[in-house]
């Protein structure tokens, strides 16, 4: 799971002016987290076989991503730019995963933009899901 997450983080970090966090938005030096930023929540997804008698070798890692901003415009901008680094010209970008042959990213946005009123000041976030398929080469 870590190699797959690292591949997504590497792509997300190419979006200018945003910080990228995995699972928890906090800075290691204790400084406050400021929007805009992205929080990636990884999952192993499911593994399946490409043939009936084959072992489970095709991996399908998936991620829930929160693109966070201080305003709707900022959260939407982050979400759009993240999608733009994962899907280029309508085609999913193929991540680089050591020891694996990966397929292109897919992307969806299953929920409307939300407001976190528990934070002070409130934060706006865009939720998306993405993932890819990958087969070990060794």
N, C-alpha and C. Protein backbone atom coordinates (compact mmCIF):
# COMPACT_ATOMS: atom_id res chain seq x y z
N UNK A 1 0.82 -1.19 0.00
CA UNK A 1 0.00 0.00 0.00
C UNK A 1 0.86 1.26 0.00
N UNK A 2 1.99 1.24 0.72
CA UNK A 2 2.82 2.44 0.80
C UNK A 2 3.37 2.86 -0.55
N UNK A 3 3.82 1.90 -1.35
CA UNK A 3 4.36 2.26 -2.67
C UNK A 3 3.29 2.91 -3.55
N UNK A 4 2.07 2.39 -3.47
CA UNK A 4 0.97 2.96 -4.26
C UNK A 4 0.65 4.37 -3.78
N UNK A 5 0.62 4.55 -2.47
CA UNK A 5 0.35 5.87 -1.90
C UNK A 5 1.45 6.85 -2.27
N UNK A 6 2.70 6.41 -2.20
CA UNK A 6 3.82 7.27 -2.56
C UNK A 6 3.71 7.73 -4.01
N UNK A 7 3.22 6.87 -4.90
CA UNK A 7 3.06 7.24 -6.30
C UNK A 7 2.02 8.35 -6.44
N UNK A 8 0.91 8.25 -5.71
CA UNK A 8 -0.12 9.30 -5.76
C UNK A 8 0.40 10.59 -5.13
N UNK A 9 1.09 10.48 -4.01
CA UNK A 9 1.65 11.67 -3.35
C UNK A 9 2.59 12.40 -4.30
N UNK A 10 3.44 11.66 -5.00
CA UNK A 10 4.39 12.28 -5.94
C UNK A 10 3.65 13.09 -7.01
N UNK A 11 2.55 12.56 -7.52
CA UNK A 11 1.78 13.30 -8.52
C UNK A 11 1.08 14.50 -7.89
N UNK A 12 0.47 14.31 -6.71
CA UNK A 12 -0.25 15.40 -6.05
C UNK A 12 0.69 16.54 -5.70
N UNK A 13 1.92 16.23 -5.36
CA UNK A 13 2.88 17.27 -5.00
C UNK A 13 3.30 18.14 -6.17
N UNK A 14 2.93 17.76 -7.39
CA UNK A 14 3.23 18.60 -8.55
C UNK A 14 2.23 19.74 -8.69
N UNK A 15 1.12 19.70 -7.95
CA UNK A 15 0.16 20.81 -7.98
C UNK A 15 0.79 21.95 -7.19
N UNK A 16 0.91 23.13 -7.80
CA UNK A 16 1.59 24.24 -7.11
C UNK A 16 0.78 24.78 -5.94
N UNK A 17 1.48 25.23 -4.93
CA UNK A 17 0.91 25.96 -3.79
C UNK A 17 -0.01 25.16 -2.87
N UNK A 18 0.13 23.83 -2.86
CA UNK A 18 -0.65 23.06 -1.89
C UNK A 18 0.28 22.11 -1.15
N UNK A 19 -0.10 21.81 0.07
CA UNK A 19 0.61 20.79 0.85
C UNK A 19 -0.15 19.49 0.68
N UNK A 20 0.55 18.37 0.78
CA UNK A 20 -0.05 17.05 0.63
C UNK A 20 0.20 16.25 1.90
N UNK A 21 -0.86 15.72 2.47
CA UNK A 21 -0.77 14.92 3.69
C UNK A 21 -1.40 13.56 3.45
N UNK A 22 -0.96 12.57 4.21
CA UNK A 22 -1.55 11.24 4.14
C UNK A 22 -2.25 10.98 5.47
N UNK A 23 -3.53 10.73 5.42
CA UNK A 23 -4.41 10.37 6.53
C UNK A 23 -4.67 11.49 7.54
N UNK A 24 -3.67 12.24 7.93
CA UNK A 24 -3.84 13.27 8.94
C UNK A 24 -3.12 14.54 8.51
N UNK A 25 -3.83 15.66 8.54
CA UNK A 25 -3.22 16.94 8.16
C UNK A 25 -2.57 17.56 9.38
N UNK A 26 -1.27 17.29 9.52
CA UNK A 26 -0.51 17.94 10.59
C UNK A 26 0.94 18.07 10.16
N UNK A 27 1.55 19.15 10.57
CA UNK A 27 2.95 19.39 10.25
C UNK A 27 3.83 18.78 11.33
N UNK A 28 4.94 18.18 10.92
CA UNK A 28 5.83 17.51 11.86
C UNK A 28 6.47 18.49 12.84
N UNK A 29 6.58 19.76 12.45
CA UNK A 29 7.20 20.74 13.35
C UNK A 29 6.18 21.39 14.29
N UNK A 30 4.93 20.95 14.22
CA UNK A 30 3.89 21.49 15.10
C UNK A 30 3.26 22.78 14.63
N UNK A 31 3.73 23.32 13.50
CA UNK A 31 3.14 24.56 12.99
C UNK A 31 1.73 24.29 12.47
N UNK A 32 0.88 25.31 12.48
CA UNK A 32 -0.50 25.10 12.03
C UNK A 32 -0.58 24.75 10.55
N UNK A 33 -1.53 23.93 10.21
CA UNK A 33 -1.80 23.57 8.82
C UNK A 33 -2.65 24.68 8.22
N UNK A 34 -2.25 25.16 7.06
CA UNK A 34 -3.01 26.21 6.40
C UNK A 34 -3.51 25.73 5.05
N UNK A 35 -4.73 26.11 4.73
CA UNK A 35 -5.32 25.76 3.45
C UNK A 35 -4.69 26.63 2.37
N UNK A 36 -4.61 26.13 1.15
CA UNK A 36 -5.17 24.88 0.65
C UNK A 36 -4.22 23.70 0.88
N UNK A 37 -4.83 22.53 0.98
CA UNK A 37 -4.05 21.30 1.10
C UNK A 37 -4.90 20.11 0.69
N UNK A 38 -4.22 18.97 0.54
CA UNK A 38 -4.86 17.72 0.15
C UNK A 38 -4.57 16.69 1.23
N UNK A 39 -5.59 15.91 1.60
CA UNK A 39 -5.39 14.79 2.52
C UNK A 39 -5.76 13.52 1.77
N UNK A 40 -4.82 12.60 1.68
CA UNK A 40 -5.01 11.33 0.97
C UNK A 40 -5.26 10.22 1.98
N UNK A 41 -6.35 9.49 1.80
CA UNK A 41 -6.68 8.36 2.66
C UNK A 41 -6.55 7.09 1.82
N UNK A 42 -5.46 6.31 2.00
CA UNK A 42 -5.23 5.13 1.16
C UNK A 42 -5.98 3.89 1.61
N UNK A 43 -6.21 3.02 0.63
CA UNK A 43 -6.81 1.72 0.88
C UNK A 43 -6.16 0.72 -0.07
N UNK A 44 -5.99 -0.52 0.38
CA UNK A 44 -5.44 -1.55 -0.50
C UNK A 44 -6.36 -1.84 -1.67
N UNK A 45 -7.65 -1.57 -1.53
CA UNK A 45 -8.59 -1.92 -2.58
C UNK A 45 -8.76 -3.42 -2.63
N UNK A 46 -9.02 -3.93 -3.81
CA UNK A 46 -9.18 -5.37 -3.94
C UNK A 46 -8.13 -5.93 -4.89
N UNK A 47 -7.78 -7.18 -4.69
CA UNK A 47 -6.89 -7.89 -5.59
C UNK A 47 -7.72 -8.92 -6.33
N UNK A 48 -7.38 -9.16 -7.58
CA UNK A 48 -8.08 -10.21 -8.31
C UNK A 48 -7.13 -10.91 -9.26
N UNK A 49 -7.60 -11.98 -9.83
CA UNK A 49 -6.80 -12.78 -10.76
C UNK A 49 -7.18 -12.42 -12.18
N UNK A 50 -6.21 -12.40 -13.06
CA UNK A 50 -6.53 -12.13 -14.45
C UNK A 50 -6.91 -13.41 -15.21
N UNK A 51 -6.73 -14.56 -14.57
CA UNK A 51 -7.18 -15.84 -15.13
C UNK A 51 -7.82 -16.64 -14.01
N UNK A 52 -8.72 -17.51 -14.34
CA UNK A 52 -9.45 -18.28 -13.35
C UNK A 52 -8.52 -19.08 -12.43
N UNK A 53 -7.47 -19.65 -12.98
CA UNK A 53 -6.58 -20.49 -12.16
C UNK A 53 -5.36 -19.74 -11.63
N UNK A 54 -5.27 -18.44 -11.90
CA UNK A 54 -4.11 -17.67 -11.48
C UNK A 54 -4.26 -17.17 -10.04
N UNK A 55 -3.15 -16.92 -9.37
CA UNK A 55 -3.23 -16.32 -8.04
C UNK A 55 -3.71 -14.86 -8.13
N UNK A 56 -4.11 -14.29 -7.00
CA UNK A 56 -4.54 -12.90 -6.97
C UNK A 56 -3.33 -12.00 -7.18
N UNK A 57 -3.18 -11.50 -8.41
CA UNK A 57 -2.00 -10.71 -8.72
C UNK A 57 -2.30 -9.30 -9.17
N UNK A 58 -3.51 -9.03 -9.63
CA UNK A 58 -3.83 -7.68 -10.07
C UNK A 58 -4.36 -6.90 -8.86
N UNK A 59 -3.63 -5.86 -8.51
CA UNK A 59 -4.01 -5.04 -7.37
C UNK A 59 -4.80 -3.83 -7.86
N UNK A 60 -5.72 -3.36 -7.03
CA UNK A 60 -6.54 -2.20 -7.38
C UNK A 60 -6.53 -1.21 -6.20
N UNK A 61 -5.39 -0.57 -5.92
CA UNK A 61 -5.37 0.39 -4.83
C UNK A 61 -6.32 1.55 -5.13
N UNK A 62 -6.95 2.06 -4.07
CA UNK A 62 -7.85 3.19 -4.25
C UNK A 62 -7.66 4.16 -3.10
N UNK A 63 -8.04 5.38 -3.35
CA UNK A 63 -7.79 6.46 -2.40
C UNK A 63 -9.01 7.38 -2.32
N UNK A 64 -9.32 7.82 -1.12
CA UNK A 64 -10.26 8.91 -0.93
C UNK A 64 -9.41 10.14 -0.66
N UNK A 65 -9.72 11.23 -1.36
CA UNK A 65 -8.90 12.43 -1.25
C UNK A 65 -9.79 13.61 -0.88
N UNK A 66 -9.37 14.36 0.12
CA UNK A 66 -10.05 15.60 0.49
C UNK A 66 -9.18 16.76 0.04
N UNK A 67 -9.73 17.59 -0.85
CA UNK A 67 -9.07 18.81 -1.29
C UNK A 67 -9.67 19.94 -0.47
N UNK A 68 -8.86 20.53 0.39
CA UNK A 68 -9.35 21.45 1.42
C UNK A 68 -8.96 22.89 1.11
N UNK A 69 -9.92 23.79 1.33
CA UNK A 69 -9.67 25.21 1.15
C UNK A 69 -10.41 26.03 2.18
N UNK A 70 -10.12 27.32 2.19
CA UNK A 70 -10.81 28.24 3.09
C UNK A 70 -12.15 28.67 2.51
N UNK A 71 -12.26 28.55 1.18
CA UNK A 71 -13.48 28.96 0.47
C UNK A 71 -13.85 27.87 -0.52
N UNK A 72 -15.06 27.96 -1.05
CA UNK A 72 -15.48 27.04 -2.11
C UNK A 72 -14.52 27.14 -3.29
N UNK A 73 -14.19 28.35 -3.70
CA UNK A 73 -13.32 28.54 -4.87
C UNK A 73 -11.97 27.87 -4.66
N UNK A 74 -11.43 27.98 -3.46
CA UNK A 74 -10.11 27.39 -3.19
C UNK A 74 -10.19 25.86 -3.19
N UNK A 75 -11.20 25.29 -2.56
CA UNK A 75 -11.36 23.83 -2.54
C UNK A 75 -11.60 23.29 -3.95
N UNK A 76 -12.43 23.98 -4.72
CA UNK A 76 -12.70 23.56 -6.10
C UNK A 76 -11.42 23.65 -6.95
N UNK A 77 -10.63 24.71 -6.77
CA UNK A 77 -9.38 24.88 -7.50
C UNK A 77 -8.43 23.72 -7.21
N UNK A 78 -8.30 23.35 -5.93
CA UNK A 78 -7.41 22.26 -5.56
C UNK A 78 -7.91 20.95 -6.18
N UNK A 79 -9.22 20.69 -6.08
CA UNK A 79 -9.79 19.47 -6.66
C UNK A 79 -9.57 19.39 -8.16
N UNK A 80 -9.78 20.51 -8.86
CA UNK A 80 -9.58 20.54 -10.31
C UNK A 80 -8.13 20.29 -10.68
N UNK A 81 -7.21 20.90 -9.94
CA UNK A 81 -5.79 20.73 -10.25
C UNK A 81 -5.29 19.32 -9.93
N UNK A 82 -5.82 18.74 -8.86
CA UNK A 82 -5.46 17.35 -8.57
C UNK A 82 -5.92 16.44 -9.70
N UNK A 83 -7.17 16.61 -10.11
CA UNK A 83 -7.68 15.79 -11.21
C UNK A 83 -6.83 15.99 -12.47
N UNK A 84 -6.40 17.21 -12.71
CA UNK A 84 -5.61 17.52 -13.92
C UNK A 84 -4.25 16.83 -13.94
N UNK A 85 -3.68 16.49 -12.77
CA UNK A 85 -2.41 15.76 -12.78
C UNK A 85 -2.63 14.26 -12.86
N UNK A 86 -3.86 13.79 -12.59
CA UNK A 86 -4.16 12.36 -12.65
C UNK A 86 -4.76 11.95 -13.98
N UNK A 87 -5.51 12.85 -14.59
CA UNK A 87 -6.18 12.59 -15.88
C UNK A 87 -5.75 13.68 -16.85
N UNK A 88 -5.01 13.33 -17.86
CA UNK A 88 -4.50 14.30 -18.83
C UNK A 88 -5.08 13.98 -20.20
N UNK A 89 -5.78 14.93 -20.78
CA UNK A 89 -6.38 14.72 -22.10
C UNK A 89 -7.38 13.57 -22.09
N UNK A 90 -8.05 13.36 -20.97
CA UNK A 90 -9.04 12.29 -20.86
C UNK A 90 -8.46 10.91 -20.60
N UNK A 91 -7.15 10.84 -20.41
CA UNK A 91 -6.48 9.55 -20.20
C UNK A 91 -5.80 9.57 -18.84
N UNK A 92 -5.96 8.47 -18.10
CA UNK A 92 -5.34 8.36 -16.79
C UNK A 92 -3.83 8.28 -16.86
N UNK A 93 -3.16 9.07 -16.05
CA UNK A 93 -1.70 9.04 -15.97
C UNK A 93 -1.27 7.72 -15.34
N UNK A 94 -0.25 7.13 -15.88
CA UNK A 94 0.28 5.86 -15.36
C UNK A 94 1.32 6.18 -14.29
N UNK A 95 1.05 5.80 -13.04
CA UNK A 95 2.01 6.09 -11.97
C UNK A 95 3.23 5.18 -12.06
N UNK A 96 4.32 5.63 -11.49
CA UNK A 96 5.54 4.83 -11.41
C UNK A 96 5.55 4.14 -10.05
N UNK A 97 5.48 2.80 -10.07
CA UNK A 97 5.51 2.01 -8.85
C UNK A 97 6.62 0.98 -9.01
N UNK A 98 7.62 1.06 -8.18
CA UNK A 98 8.77 0.16 -8.26
C UNK A 98 8.33 -1.30 -8.18
N UNK A 99 8.80 -2.13 -9.12
CA UNK A 99 8.52 -3.56 -9.11
C UNK A 99 7.13 -3.92 -9.59
N UNK A 100 6.42 -2.96 -10.19
CA UNK A 100 5.07 -3.23 -10.65
C UNK A 100 4.83 -2.59 -12.01
N UNK A 101 3.90 -3.16 -12.74
CA UNK A 101 3.43 -2.60 -13.99
C UNK A 101 2.04 -2.03 -13.74
N UNK A 102 1.94 -0.70 -13.74
CA UNK A 102 0.69 -0.04 -13.36
C UNK A 102 -0.11 0.39 -14.58
N UNK A 103 -1.42 0.47 -14.37
CA UNK A 103 -2.33 1.04 -15.36
C UNK A 103 -2.60 2.49 -15.00
N UNK A 104 -3.33 3.19 -15.85
CA UNK A 104 -3.62 4.60 -15.63
C UNK A 104 -4.61 4.84 -14.50
N UNK A 105 -4.54 6.02 -13.92
CA UNK A 105 -5.47 6.42 -12.86
C UNK A 105 -6.89 6.54 -13.40
N UNK A 106 -7.85 6.24 -12.54
CA UNK A 106 -9.25 6.61 -12.76
C UNK A 106 -9.58 7.62 -11.67
N UNK A 107 -10.65 8.39 -11.84
CA UNK A 107 -10.98 9.48 -10.92
C UNK A 107 -12.48 9.66 -10.88
N UNK A 108 -13.03 9.88 -9.69
CA UNK A 108 -14.45 10.22 -9.57
C UNK A 108 -14.64 11.16 -8.39
N UNK A 109 -15.72 11.89 -8.42
CA UNK A 109 -16.06 12.79 -7.32
C UNK A 109 -17.49 12.45 -6.89
N UNK A 110 -17.63 11.55 -5.90
CA UNK A 110 -18.93 10.99 -5.56
C UNK A 110 -19.81 11.86 -4.67
N UNK A 111 -19.26 12.93 -4.11
CA UNK A 111 -20.03 13.75 -3.17
C UNK A 111 -19.94 15.22 -3.54
N UNK A 112 -20.94 15.95 -3.10
CA UNK A 112 -20.91 17.40 -3.25
C UNK A 112 -19.85 17.99 -2.32
N UNK A 113 -19.43 19.20 -2.61
CA UNK A 113 -18.48 19.88 -1.72
C UNK A 113 -19.13 20.04 -0.36
N UNK A 114 -18.32 19.81 0.69
CA UNK A 114 -18.81 19.83 2.07
C UNK A 114 -18.17 20.97 2.87
N UNK A 115 -18.78 21.28 4.01
CA UNK A 115 -18.24 22.28 4.93
C UNK A 115 -17.98 21.62 6.28
N UNK A 116 -16.77 21.81 6.81
CA UNK A 116 -16.42 21.32 8.14
C UNK A 116 -16.57 22.48 9.11
N UNK A 117 -17.70 22.53 9.80
CA UNK A 117 -17.95 23.62 10.75
C UNK A 117 -17.34 23.33 12.11
N UNK A 118 -16.78 22.13 12.33
CA UNK A 118 -16.09 21.84 13.58
C UNK A 118 -14.76 22.56 13.65
N UNK A 119 -14.19 22.86 12.49
CA UNK A 119 -12.93 23.61 12.45
C UNK A 119 -13.24 25.09 12.65
N UNK A 120 -12.27 25.82 13.17
CA UNK A 120 -12.46 27.25 13.35
C UNK A 120 -11.24 27.98 12.80
N UNK A 121 -11.39 28.72 11.70
CA UNK A 121 -12.63 28.93 10.96
C UNK A 121 -13.03 27.68 10.17
N UNK A 122 -14.25 27.66 9.70
CA UNK A 122 -14.76 26.51 8.94
C UNK A 122 -13.90 26.26 7.71
N UNK A 123 -13.82 25.00 7.31
CA UNK A 123 -13.07 24.61 6.11
C UNK A 123 -14.03 24.02 5.09
N UNK A 124 -13.72 24.21 3.84
CA UNK A 124 -14.50 23.67 2.74
C UNK A 124 -13.67 22.56 2.12
N UNK A 125 -14.32 21.41 1.80
CA UNK A 125 -13.54 20.34 1.19
C UNK A 125 -14.31 19.62 0.09
N UNK A 126 -13.53 19.25 -0.90
CA UNK A 126 -14.01 18.52 -2.08
C UNK A 126 -13.53 17.08 -1.91
N UNK A 127 -14.44 16.12 -2.01
CA UNK A 127 -14.08 14.70 -1.86
C UNK A 127 -13.99 14.05 -3.22
N UNK A 128 -12.91 13.34 -3.46
CA UNK A 128 -12.77 12.58 -4.69
C UNK A 128 -12.24 11.19 -4.36
N UNK A 129 -12.40 10.30 -5.31
CA UNK A 129 -11.84 8.95 -5.22
C UNK A 129 -11.01 8.73 -6.47
N UNK A 130 -9.91 8.01 -6.31
CA UNK A 130 -9.08 7.69 -7.46
C UNK A 130 -8.37 6.38 -7.18
N UNK A 131 -7.79 5.82 -8.21
CA UNK A 131 -7.05 4.58 -8.07
C UNK A 131 -6.51 4.13 -9.40
N UNK A 132 -5.90 2.97 -9.41
CA UNK A 132 -5.33 2.40 -10.63
C UNK A 132 -5.18 0.91 -10.41
N UNK A 133 -4.84 0.20 -11.45
CA UNK A 133 -4.54 -1.23 -11.32
C UNK A 133 -3.03 -1.41 -11.44
N UNK A 134 -2.53 -2.46 -10.82
CA UNK A 134 -1.10 -2.69 -10.84
C UNK A 134 -0.81 -4.18 -10.67
N UNK A 135 0.16 -4.66 -11.43
CA UNK A 135 0.55 -6.05 -11.37
C UNK A 135 2.04 -6.15 -11.05
N UNK A 136 2.39 -6.95 -10.05
CA UNK A 136 3.82 -7.13 -9.75
C UNK A 136 4.57 -7.67 -10.97
N UNK A 137 5.77 -7.16 -11.21
CA UNK A 137 6.56 -7.62 -12.36
C UNK A 137 7.51 -8.73 -11.98
N UNK A 138 7.76 -8.92 -10.71
CA UNK A 138 8.71 -9.95 -10.29
C UNK A 138 8.00 -11.13 -9.68
